[in-house]
Each structure stands twice: as structure tokens, then as C-alpha cells.
Amino acid sequence: EYCMTETTLDLGAAITIRNIQPIYSQLANHLQQTTPFIIDASKLTKVDTAGAQLLFLLHQTCIKRSLNVTWLPADKEICKQLALLAITIPPLIGSV
């Protein structure tokens, strides 16, 4: 069941080398917690290589630490951008 205490981490519209620092800090903060949280990638329209690597690292960390994370899948466009970079993040793709 859905409980309102879950934190939602909004990835915003773009993760690029220009804005990656604050996003990274926010992520690092969330990854310290053991409480369930939601990663909202639904508004993303642009990721560059740095952004894609950050997303991949996030995904790997969640698996490694068995964190209780729900991904709100990204747009097909983002999935294409990631595919071009040969980065696969299954929960980000959702059911395309």
C-alpha cells in the first residue's frame, strides 16, 4: 500500500553536466536513508553522458544496497538517449 511518508526525488527535466552537482548531492542524501523512496524520472527530457552515468550509478547503488525504490519511468525519448550510450536501466524504461 502507498504511504505518504515516502519521499519523492524529482529528477526534473534534465540531468546534464551543468546541473549535476545539486542533483548528485540530493541523491547522495537519499541513498543514506533506509526508508522507501520514489525516483521520478517522468519529466526528464534530456540527459547527457554525465547524467546517464549518474542514473546508472543510482540504479546500481539501489540494487547493491537493496533499497526500496520505486522508479517513475522516463519518456521514450530518454530511453533512446540512454540506449545510444549503451546504458540499460530497466526500471527507468518501465513498460514501453
C-alpha atoms as a PDB file:
ATOM      1  CA  GLU A   1       0.000   0.000   0.000  1.00  0.00           C
ATOM      2  CA  TYR A   2       1.099   3.529  -0.633  1.00  0.00           C
ATOM      3  CA  CYS A   3       2.107   5.554   2.376  1.00  0.00           C
ATOM      4  CA  MET A   4       2.571   9.301   2.323  1.00  0.00           C
ATOM      5  CA  THR A   5       5.856   9.183   4.165  1.00  0.00           C
ATOM      6  CA  GLU A   6       7.640   8.146   1.016  1.00  0.00           C
ATOM      7  CA  THR A   7       9.982  10.775  -0.304  1.00  0.00           C
ATOM      8  CA  THR A   8       9.873  11.581  -3.974  1.00  0.00           C
ATOM      9  CA  LEU A   9      13.099  12.522  -5.632  1.00  0.00           C
ATOM     10  CA  ASP A  10      12.193  14.576  -8.670  1.00  0.00           C
ATOM     11  CA  LEU A  11      14.900  14.358 -11.315  1.00  0.00           C
ATOM     12  CA  GLY A  12      13.490  17.375 -13.141  1.00  0.00           C
ATOM     13  CA  ALA A  13      13.678  17.981 -16.881  1.00  0.00           C
ATOM     14  CA  ALA A  14      17.378  17.497 -17.492  1.00  0.00           C
ATOM     15  CA  ILE A  15      20.420  15.943 -15.917  1.00  0.00           C
ATOM     16  CA  THR A  16      23.475  17.349 -17.615  1.00  0.00           C
ATOM     17  CA  ILE A  17      26.992  18.291 -16.650  1.00  0.00           C
ATOM     18  CA  ARG A  18      25.656  21.819 -15.940  1.00  0.00           C
ATOM     19  CA  ASN A  19      23.235  20.874 -13.176  1.00  0.00           C
ATOM     20  CA  ILE A  20      24.535  17.527 -11.998  1.00  0.00           C
ATOM     21  CA  GLN A  21      26.091  18.770  -8.739  1.00  0.00           C
ATOM     22  CA  PRO A  22      22.890  19.652  -6.821  1.00  0.00           C
ATOM     23  CA  ILE A  23      21.159  16.550  -8.167  1.00  0.00           C
ATOM     24  CA  TYR A  24      24.080  14.417  -7.046  1.00  0.00           C
ATOM     25  CA  SER A  25      24.005  15.920  -3.544  1.00  0.00           C
ATOM     26  CA  GLN A  26      20.282  15.277  -3.293  1.00  0.00           C
ATOM     27  CA  LEU A  27      20.747  11.675  -4.430  1.00  0.00           C
ATOM     28  CA  ALA A  28      23.597  11.027  -2.040  1.00  0.00           C
ATOM     29  CA  ASN A  29      21.373  12.256   0.748  1.00  0.00           C
ATOM     30  CA  HIS A  30      18.563   9.882  -0.220  1.00  0.00           C
ATOM     31  CA  LEU A  31      20.865   6.914  -0.553  1.00  0.00           C
ATOM     32  CA  GLN A  32      21.884   7.260   3.102  1.00  0.00           C
ATOM     33  CA  GLN A  33      18.316   6.589   4.139  1.00  0.00           C
ATOM     34  CA  THR A  34      16.716   3.209   4.514  1.00  0.00           C
ATOM     35  CA  THR A  35      13.180   4.463   4.056  1.00  0.00           C
ATOM     36  CA  PRO A  36      11.423   3.730   0.772  1.00  0.00           C
ATOM     37  CA  PHE A  37      11.574   6.475  -1.812  1.00  0.00           C
ATOM     38  CA  ILE A  38      10.394   7.240  -5.305  1.00  0.00           C
ATOM     39  CA  ILE A  39      12.616   8.381  -8.147  1.00  0.00           C
ATOM     40  CA  ASP A  40      10.556  10.448 -10.537  1.00  0.00           C
ATOM     41  CA  ALA A  41      12.120  10.398 -13.993  1.00  0.00           C
ATOM     42  CA  SER A  42       8.859  11.141 -15.776  1.00  0.00           C
ATOM     43  CA  LYS A  43       9.694  14.790 -16.517  1.00  0.00           C
ATOM     44  CA  LEU A  44      13.154  14.088 -17.903  1.00  0.00           C
ATOM     45  CA  THR A  45      13.662  15.240 -21.476  1.00  0.00           C
ATOM     46  CA  LYS A  46      17.433  15.442 -21.648  1.00  0.00           C
ATOM     47  CA  VAL A  47      20.372  13.515 -20.264  1.00  0.00           C
ATOM     48  CA  ASP A  48      23.946  13.833 -21.398  1.00  0.00           C
ATOM     49  CA  THR A  49      26.705  11.301 -20.762  1.00  0.00           C
ATOM     50  CA  ALA A  50      27.283  12.600 -17.236  1.00  0.00           C
ATOM     51  CA  GLY A  51      23.559  12.436 -16.482  1.00  0.00           C
ATOM     52  CA  ALA A  52      23.278   8.930 -17.873  1.00  0.00           C
ATOM     53  CA  GLN A  53      26.207   7.775 -15.754  1.00  0.00           C
ATOM     54  CA  LEU A  54      24.625   9.308 -12.675  1.00  0.00           C
ATOM     55  CA  LEU A  55      21.358   7.479 -13.349  1.00  0.00           C
ATOM     56  CA  PHE A  56      23.216   4.229 -13.892  1.00  0.00           C
ATOM     57  CA  LEU A  57      25.189   4.677 -10.675  1.00  0.00           C
ATOM     58  CA  LEU A  58      21.954   5.413  -8.836  1.00  0.00           C
ATOM     59  CA  HIS A  59      20.352   2.263 -10.211  1.00  0.00           C
ATOM     60  CA  GLN A  60      23.379   0.111  -9.291  1.00  0.00           C
ATOM     61  CA  THR A  61      23.552   1.573  -5.788  1.00  0.00           C
ATOM     62  CA  CYS A  62      19.881   0.864  -5.168  1.00  0.00           C
ATOM     63  CA  ILE A  63      20.398  -2.761  -6.182  1.00  0.00           C
ATOM     64  CA  LYS A  64      23.603  -3.145  -4.197  1.00  0.00           C
ATOM     65  CA  ARG A  65      22.052  -1.783  -1.018  1.00  0.00           C
ATOM     66  CA  SER A  66      18.676  -3.445  -1.642  1.00  0.00           C
ATOM     67  CA  LEU A  67      16.992  -0.075  -1.271  1.00  0.00           C
ATOM     68  CA  ASN A  68      13.262   0.130  -1.516  1.00  0.00           C
ATOM     69  CA  VAL A  69      12.970   2.350  -4.571  1.00  0.00           C
ATOM     70  CA  THR A  70      10.128   2.904  -6.991  1.00  0.00           C
ATOM     71  CA  TRP A  71      11.051   4.452 -10.327  1.00  0.00           C
ATOM     72  CA  LEU A  72       8.503   6.521 -12.223  1.00  0.00           C
ATOM     73  CA  PRO A  73       9.613   5.657 -15.753  1.00  0.00           C
ATOM     74  CA  ALA A  74      11.114   8.144 -18.143  1.00  0.00           C
ATOM     75  CA  ASP A  75       9.875   9.189 -21.523  1.00  0.00           C
ATOM     76  CA  LYS A  76      10.674   7.015 -24.556  1.00  0.00           C
ATOM     77  CA  GLU A  77      12.994   9.772 -25.757  1.00  0.00           C
ATOM     78  CA  ILE A  78      15.194   9.409 -22.677  1.00  0.00           C
ATOM     79  CA  CYS A  79      15.256   5.652 -23.113  1.00  0.00           C
ATOM     80  CA  LYS A  80      16.513   6.214 -26.664  1.00  0.00           C
ATOM     81  CA  GLN A  81      19.203   8.605 -25.440  1.00  0.00           C
ATOM     82  CA  LEU A  82      20.346   6.064 -22.858  1.00  0.00           C
ATOM     83  CA  ALA A  83      20.283   3.252 -25.405  1.00  0.00           C
ATOM     84  CA  LEU A  84      22.585   5.280 -27.656  1.00  0.00           C
ATOM     85  CA  LEU A  85      25.021   5.484 -24.762  1.00  0.00           C
ATOM     86  CA  ALA A  86      24.641   1.723 -24.239  1.00  0.00           C
ATOM     87  CA  ILE A  87      23.272   2.253 -20.737  1.00  0.00           C
ATOM     88  CA  THR A  88      20.481  -0.022 -19.600  1.00  0.00           C
ATOM     89  CA  ILE A  89      18.366   0.870 -16.597  1.00  0.00           C
ATOM     90  CA  PRO A  90      15.337  -1.462 -16.674  1.00  0.00           C
ATOM     91  CA  PRO A  91      13.166   0.343 -14.082  1.00  0.00           C
ATOM     92  CA  LEU A  92      13.628   3.601 -15.981  1.00  0.00           C
ATOM     93  CA  ILE A  93      12.174   2.150 -19.139  1.00  0.00           C
ATOM     94  CA  GLY A  94       9.012   0.883 -17.494  1.00  0.00           C
ATOM     95  CA  SER A  95       6.684  -0.914 -19.859  1.00  0.00           C
ATOM     96  CA  VAL A  96       7.496   0.635 -23.212  1.00  0.00           C
END
